[in-house]
């Protein structure tokens, strides 16, 4: 008769809690939006007002990511037995889409200005862009430590880093225009930066969509997990192996192990769970033991779910 064992550790890696960082980022960017609107109205600059609208989208994206952090803190319920950490995957996906749309719009505007160069706002535009570098750069720094391990944090990091890069491009291009009067440098710089950001953001979107479809997280090699399980003493066969993301920072797996000698005991199970956590960041493991002496498991073929 099959035996099931579920194990996880209290020290398993949890999603990084960047709640405070998100609040600071929201406050900084909201203040910058107000500043851009003020100077945009004062200077009658449509460019500044348009950029204020873009940065308002950034504030929305940060708020969305922060909401996912808050949801992730909620305890599991009878309906959502894994908790609400999966909301961070949705937040990362939406943020990637927002960033692609925003940068795509900037790229399109850059192409139009390449065809019909316009005089930029000069020193005022450069000063506001420099402030944008400071605000967005500081916001990106808040998320730098967690962006390698949490897709939701990475989406916020990319958002802020992208805006800082674009603002820096405006400062540099504005300075070149002031000295050379080459008007095409501003849209050209924006276009190049936009293409680079789109490439990195597309990778973020691809990964977040994969996680939302319960794909194996990019950081985990499923074949190595299978090889590790097959190599365990007494394991004759491994099947029905599934690995998926619980949220943007931690993963789970379930698997059937065929062991002719019977259930190996809790120490064996805890060892596997510990190794999967330490080596693959799989903190939630469910194992079913089968003797393999009767009817074949209907879930054994790889194509069966």
Protein backbone atom coordinates (compact mmCIF):
# COMPACT_ATOMS: atom_id res chain seq x y z
CA UNK A 1 0.00 0.00 0.00
CA UNK A 2 1.43 3.45 -0.88
CA UNK A 3 2.74 5.62 1.94
CA UNK A 4 2.76 9.38 1.76
CA UNK A 5 5.05 11.74 3.57
CA UNK A 6 5.02 15.48 3.58
CA UNK A 7 7.85 17.51 5.02
CA UNK A 8 9.04 21.05 5.18
CA UNK A 9 11.42 22.91 7.47
CA UNK A 10 10.88 26.01 9.57
CA UNK A 11 14.14 27.41 8.18
CA UNK A 12 13.15 27.00 4.54
CA UNK A 13 13.76 30.06 2.41
CA UNK A 14 10.73 32.32 2.37
CA UNK A 15 9.98 35.17 -0.03
CA UNK A 16 12.05 38.20 0.88
CA UNK A 17 9.89 40.67 2.78
CA UNK A 18 10.60 43.99 1.10
CA UNK A 19 7.48 45.70 2.46
CA UNK A 20 9.40 48.67 3.83
CA UNK A 21 11.42 49.03 0.61
CA UNK A 22 8.19 49.10 -1.41
CA UNK A 23 6.71 51.79 0.85
CA UNK A 24 9.82 53.96 0.52
CA UNK A 25 9.87 53.45 -3.25
CA UNK A 26 6.18 54.36 -3.52
CA UNK A 27 6.71 57.53 -1.46
CA UNK A 28 9.78 58.64 -3.46
CA UNK A 29 8.16 58.07 -6.83
CA UNK A 30 4.84 59.64 -5.84
CA UNK A 31 6.73 62.75 -4.71
CA UNK A 32 8.61 62.80 -8.02
CA UNK A 33 5.35 62.58 -9.98
CA UNK A 34 4.02 65.62 -8.11
CA UNK A 35 7.29 67.47 -8.83
CA UNK A 36 7.10 66.66 -12.55
CA UNK A 37 3.49 67.81 -12.76
CA UNK A 38 4.39 71.07 -11.00
CA UNK A 39 7.32 71.90 -13.28
CA UNK A 40 5.50 70.58 -16.33
CA UNK A 41 2.60 72.96 -15.77
CA UNK A 42 4.94 75.81 -14.89
CA UNK A 43 7.11 75.31 -17.99
CA UNK A 44 4.15 74.30 -20.18
CA UNK A 45 6.08 71.12 -21.03
CA UNK A 46 4.07 68.26 -22.46
CA UNK A 47 7.15 66.02 -22.21
CA UNK A 48 7.36 66.46 -18.45
CA UNK A 49 3.63 65.92 -18.02
CA UNK A 50 3.81 62.78 -20.18
CA UNK A 51 6.74 61.48 -18.13
CA UNK A 52 4.76 62.22 -14.97
CA UNK A 53 2.03 59.95 -16.32
CA UNK A 54 4.63 57.26 -17.00
CA UNK A 55 6.01 57.55 -13.47
CA UNK A 56 2.49 57.38 -12.07
CA UNK A 57 2.37 53.96 -13.74
CA UNK A 58 5.55 53.09 -11.84
CA UNK A 59 3.86 54.02 -8.58
CA UNK A 60 0.96 51.74 -9.51
CA UNK A 61 3.39 48.90 -10.27
CA UNK A 62 5.14 49.32 -6.91
CA UNK A 63 1.77 49.37 -5.14
CA UNK A 64 0.82 46.16 -6.92
CA UNK A 65 4.03 44.46 -5.82
CA UNK A 66 3.54 45.73 -2.27
CA UNK A 67 -0.02 44.37 -2.25
CA UNK A 68 1.42 40.96 -3.23
CA UNK A 69 3.83 41.18 -0.28
CA UNK A 70 0.91 41.89 2.08
CA UNK A 71 -1.11 39.01 0.63
CA UNK A 72 1.87 36.71 1.03
CA UNK A 73 1.80 37.35 4.77
CA UNK A 74 -1.75 36.05 5.11
CA UNK A 75 -2.23 32.62 6.60
CA UNK A 76 -3.51 29.79 4.37
CA UNK A 77 -7.25 29.25 4.35
CA UNK A 78 -9.55 26.30 3.70
CA UNK A 79 -9.89 27.51 0.11
CA UNK A 80 -6.34 28.77 -0.50
CA UNK A 81 -4.44 25.96 1.19
CA UNK A 82 -1.05 27.15 -0.07
CA UNK A 83 -1.71 30.69 1.12
CA UNK A 84 -1.67 33.75 -1.13
CA UNK A 85 2.00 33.84 -2.08
CA UNK A 86 1.10 33.10 -5.69
CA UNK A 87 -0.14 36.69 -5.95
CA UNK A 88 3.52 37.71 -6.24
CA UNK A 89 3.69 35.78 -9.54
CA UNK A 90 0.67 37.69 -10.83
CA UNK A 91 2.21 40.99 -9.69
CA UNK A 92 5.47 40.21 -11.50
CA UNK A 93 3.56 39.34 -14.68
CA UNK A 94 1.45 42.52 -14.62
CA UNK A 95 4.51 44.65 -13.85
CA UNK A 96 6.39 43.14 -16.78
CA UNK A 97 3.48 43.94 -19.10
CA UNK A 98 3.24 47.51 -17.76
CA UNK A 99 6.97 48.03 -18.24
CA UNK A 100 6.90 46.64 -21.77
CA UNK A 101 4.00 48.93 -22.71
CA UNK A 102 5.65 51.97 -21.14
CA UNK A 103 9.05 51.37 -22.73
CA UNK A 104 7.38 50.47 -26.02
CA UNK A 105 5.62 53.84 -25.97
CA UNK A 106 8.92 55.60 -25.26
CA UNK A 107 10.58 53.69 -28.09
CA UNK A 108 7.79 54.63 -30.50
CA UNK A 109 8.06 58.30 -29.50
CA UNK A 110 11.83 58.06 -30.05
CA UNK A 111 11.30 56.77 -33.60
CA UNK A 112 8.91 59.66 -34.33
CA UNK A 113 11.42 62.17 -33.01
CA UNK A 114 14.20 60.61 -35.05
CA UNK A 115 12.09 61.29 -38.13
CA UNK A 116 11.22 64.80 -36.95
CA UNK A 117 13.83 66.03 -34.42
CA UNK A 118 12.59 68.59 -31.90
CA UNK A 119 14.35 70.99 -29.56
CA UNK A 120 14.43 69.50 -26.04
CA UNK A 121 13.54 71.38 -22.89
CA UNK A 122 17.16 72.26 -22.21
CA UNK A 123 18.45 72.83 -18.69
CA UNK A 124 15.04 72.38 -17.00
CA UNK A 125 14.52 69.01 -18.69
CA UNK A 126 18.03 67.92 -17.71
CA UNK A 127 17.52 69.00 -14.08
CA UNK A 128 14.25 67.06 -13.78
CA UNK A 129 15.82 64.03 -15.50
CA UNK A 130 18.75 64.19 -13.07
CA UNK A 131 16.26 64.13 -10.21
CA UNK A 132 14.69 61.11 -11.89
CA UNK A 133 18.06 59.36 -11.92
CA UNK A 134 18.41 59.99 -8.18
CA UNK A 135 14.86 58.91 -7.27
CA UNK A 136 14.71 55.85 -9.49
CA UNK A 137 18.30 54.89 -8.78
CA UNK A 138 17.67 55.03 -5.03
CA UNK A 139 14.47 53.01 -5.48
CA UNK A 140 16.28 50.38 -7.57
CA UNK A 141 18.98 50.13 -4.89
CA UNK A 142 16.30 49.22 -2.33
CA UNK A 143 15.46 46.10 -4.35
CA UNK A 144 18.94 45.16 -5.55
CA UNK A 145 19.63 42.65 -2.77
CA UNK A 146 16.47 40.62 -3.38
CA UNK A 147 16.09 40.78 -7.14
CA UNK A 148 18.17 37.65 -7.78
CA UNK A 149 15.96 35.44 -5.61
CA UNK A 150 12.45 36.90 -5.90
CA UNK A 151 10.75 37.56 -9.23
CA UNK A 152 8.33 40.08 -7.70
CA UNK A 153 11.24 42.09 -6.27
CA UNK A 154 13.07 41.74 -9.61
CA UNK A 155 10.10 43.22 -11.46
CA UNK A 156 10.21 46.27 -9.15
CA UNK A 157 13.99 46.48 -9.53
CA UNK A 158 13.78 46.38 -13.33
CA UNK A 159 11.06 49.03 -13.31
CA UNK A 160 13.17 51.43 -11.26
CA UNK A 161 16.47 50.62 -12.96
CA UNK A 162 14.87 51.09 -16.40
CA UNK A 163 13.54 54.52 -15.47
CA UNK A 164 16.89 55.52 -13.97
CA UNK A 165 18.63 54.45 -17.20
CA UNK A 166 16.19 56.38 -19.38
CA UNK A 167 16.51 59.49 -17.19
CA UNK A 168 20.30 59.21 -17.30
CA UNK A 169 20.10 58.97 -21.08
CA UNK A 170 18.04 62.19 -21.12
CA UNK A 171 20.67 63.98 -19.01
CA UNK A 172 23.58 62.86 -21.19
CA UNK A 173 21.71 63.49 -24.44
CA UNK A 174 20.56 66.89 -23.20
CA UNK A 175 24.13 67.88 -22.41
CA UNK A 176 25.32 66.78 -25.86
CA UNK A 177 22.48 68.71 -27.52
CA UNK A 178 23.37 71.89 -25.59
CA UNK A 179 26.98 71.71 -26.81
CA UNK A 180 26.55 70.25 -30.31
CA UNK A 181 22.93 71.13 -31.20
CA UNK A 182 22.57 67.59 -32.59
CA UNK A 183 18.88 67.09 -31.89
CA UNK A 184 18.79 63.44 -32.98
CA UNK A 185 20.98 62.27 -30.08
CA UNK A 186 18.11 62.49 -27.56
CA UNK A 187 15.66 60.11 -29.32
CA UNK A 188 18.54 57.89 -30.46
CA UNK A 189 19.77 57.40 -26.89
CA UNK A 190 16.22 56.71 -25.68
CA UNK A 191 15.68 54.18 -28.46
CA UNK A 192 18.87 52.24 -27.66
CA UNK A 193 18.07 52.15 -23.93
CA UNK A 194 14.47 51.12 -24.65
CA UNK A 195 15.61 48.14 -26.75
CA UNK A 196 17.95 46.95 -23.97
CA UNK A 197 15.18 47.26 -21.37
CA UNK A 198 12.67 45.41 -23.56
CA UNK A 199 15.07 42.46 -23.88
CA UNK A 200 15.50 42.10 -20.10
CA UNK A 201 11.81 42.72 -19.41
CA UNK A 202 10.76 40.10 -21.94
CA UNK A 203 12.81 37.54 -20.00
CA UNK A 204 10.98 38.60 -16.83
CA UNK A 205 7.60 38.24 -18.55
CA UNK A 206 8.53 34.83 -19.97
CA UNK A 207 9.61 33.54 -16.55
CA UNK A 208 6.56 34.92 -14.70
CA UNK A 209 4.18 33.44 -17.27
CA UNK A 210 5.96 30.09 -16.94
CA UNK A 211 5.52 30.16 -13.16
CA UNK A 212 1.86 31.08 -13.50
CA UNK A 213 1.42 27.91 -15.61
CA UNK A 214 3.16 25.88 -12.88
CA UNK A 215 6.33 25.48 -14.89
CA UNK A 216 9.54 24.41 -13.18
CA UNK A 217 11.28 27.55 -11.86
CA UNK A 218 14.20 28.65 -14.01
CA UNK A 219 16.64 28.25 -11.11
CA UNK A 220 15.85 24.52 -10.71
CA UNK A 221 17.14 21.76 -12.97
CA UNK A 222 14.40 19.10 -12.90
CA UNK A 223 16.74 16.43 -14.28
CA UNK A 224 19.21 17.02 -11.44
CA UNK A 225 16.37 16.66 -8.94
CA UNK A 226 15.37 13.36 -10.56
CA UNK A 227 18.98 12.16 -10.59
CA UNK A 228 19.33 13.00 -6.89
CA UNK A 229 16.19 11.01 -6.03
CA UNK A 230 17.18 8.01 -8.17
CA UNK A 231 20.56 7.90 -6.42
CA UNK A 232 19.03 7.48 -2.96
CA UNK A 233 19.54 4.05 -1.30
CA UNK A 234 16.70 1.63 -1.96
CA UNK A 235 15.03 3.73 -4.67
CA UNK A 236 14.26 1.56 -7.69
CA UNK A 237 12.22 4.04 -9.70
CA UNK A 238 11.13 7.69 -9.66
CA UNK A 239 7.94 8.86 -11.34
CA UNK A 240 5.17 11.45 -11.14
CA UNK A 241 7.74 14.12 -10.27
CA UNK A 242 6.27 17.62 -10.23
CA UNK A 243 8.07 20.84 -9.35
CA UNK A 244 6.31 24.19 -9.24
CA UNK A 245 6.54 27.63 -7.65
CA UNK A 246 4.54 28.48 -4.53
CA UNK A 247 5.47 32.13 -5.02
CA UNK A 248 8.22 34.11 -6.71
CA UNK A 249 10.88 32.94 -4.24
CA UNK A 250 10.16 29.36 -3.12
CA UNK A 251 9.08 26.09 -4.69
CA UNK A 252 7.37 22.77 -3.96
CA UNK A 253 7.56 19.27 -5.35
CA UNK A 254 5.73 15.97 -5.16
CA UNK A 255 7.06 12.61 -6.29
CA UNK A 256 6.47 8.84 -6.19
CA UNK A 257 9.43 6.68 -5.15
CA UNK A 258 9.30 2.94 -5.82
CA UNK A 259 11.11 1.14 -2.96
CA UNK A 260 10.72 -2.65 -2.89
CA UNK A 261 11.92 -2.84 0.73
CA UNK A 262 9.04 -0.70 1.92
CA UNK A 263 8.80 2.60 3.73
CA UNK A 264 12.35 3.73 4.67
CA UNK A 265 11.34 5.69 7.78
CA UNK A 266 11.04 9.34 8.71
CA UNK A 267 14.80 9.94 8.91
CA UNK A 268 15.15 9.04 5.20
CA UNK A 269 12.26 11.38 4.31
CA UNK A 270 13.66 14.24 6.34
CA UNK A 271 17.06 13.76 4.69
CA UNK A 272 15.52 14.06 1.20
CA UNK A 273 13.46 17.11 2.18
CA UNK A 274 16.52 18.76 3.72
CA UNK A 275 18.70 18.12 0.68
CA UNK A 276 16.03 19.32 -1.77
CA UNK A 277 15.70 22.50 0.22
CA UNK A 278 19.40 23.21 0.58
CA UNK A 279 20.43 22.24 -2.95
CA UNK A 280 17.37 23.28 -4.98
CA UNK A 281 15.40 25.73 -2.77
CA UNK A 282 12.45 23.33 -2.72
CA UNK A 283 11.01 23.95 0.72
CA UNK A 284 7.75 22.01 0.46
CA UNK A 285 8.13 18.31 -0.38
CA UNK A 286 5.55 15.54 -0.61
CA UNK A 287 6.77 11.97 -1.21
CA UNK A 288 4.70 8.86 -1.90
CA UNK A 289 6.38 5.49 -1.37
CA UNK A 290 5.31 2.53 -3.53
CA UNK A 291 6.42 -1.10 -3.22
CA UNK A 292 6.14 -1.79 -6.92
CA UNK A 293 4.96 -5.36 -6.35
CA UNK A 294 1.41 -4.96 -7.62
CA UNK A 295 -0.42 -3.12 -10.36
CA UNK A 296 1.63 -0.41 -12.03
CA UNK A 297 0.99 3.14 -10.83
CA UNK A 298 -1.36 4.88 -13.32
CA UNK A 299 0.69 8.07 -12.89
CA UNK A 300 4.01 6.45 -13.82
CA UNK A 301 4.13 7.53 -17.50
CA UNK A 302 5.68 11.02 -17.85
CA UNK A 303 2.84 12.23 -20.08
CA UNK A 304 0.18 11.45 -17.46
CA UNK A 305 -0.79 14.17 -15.00
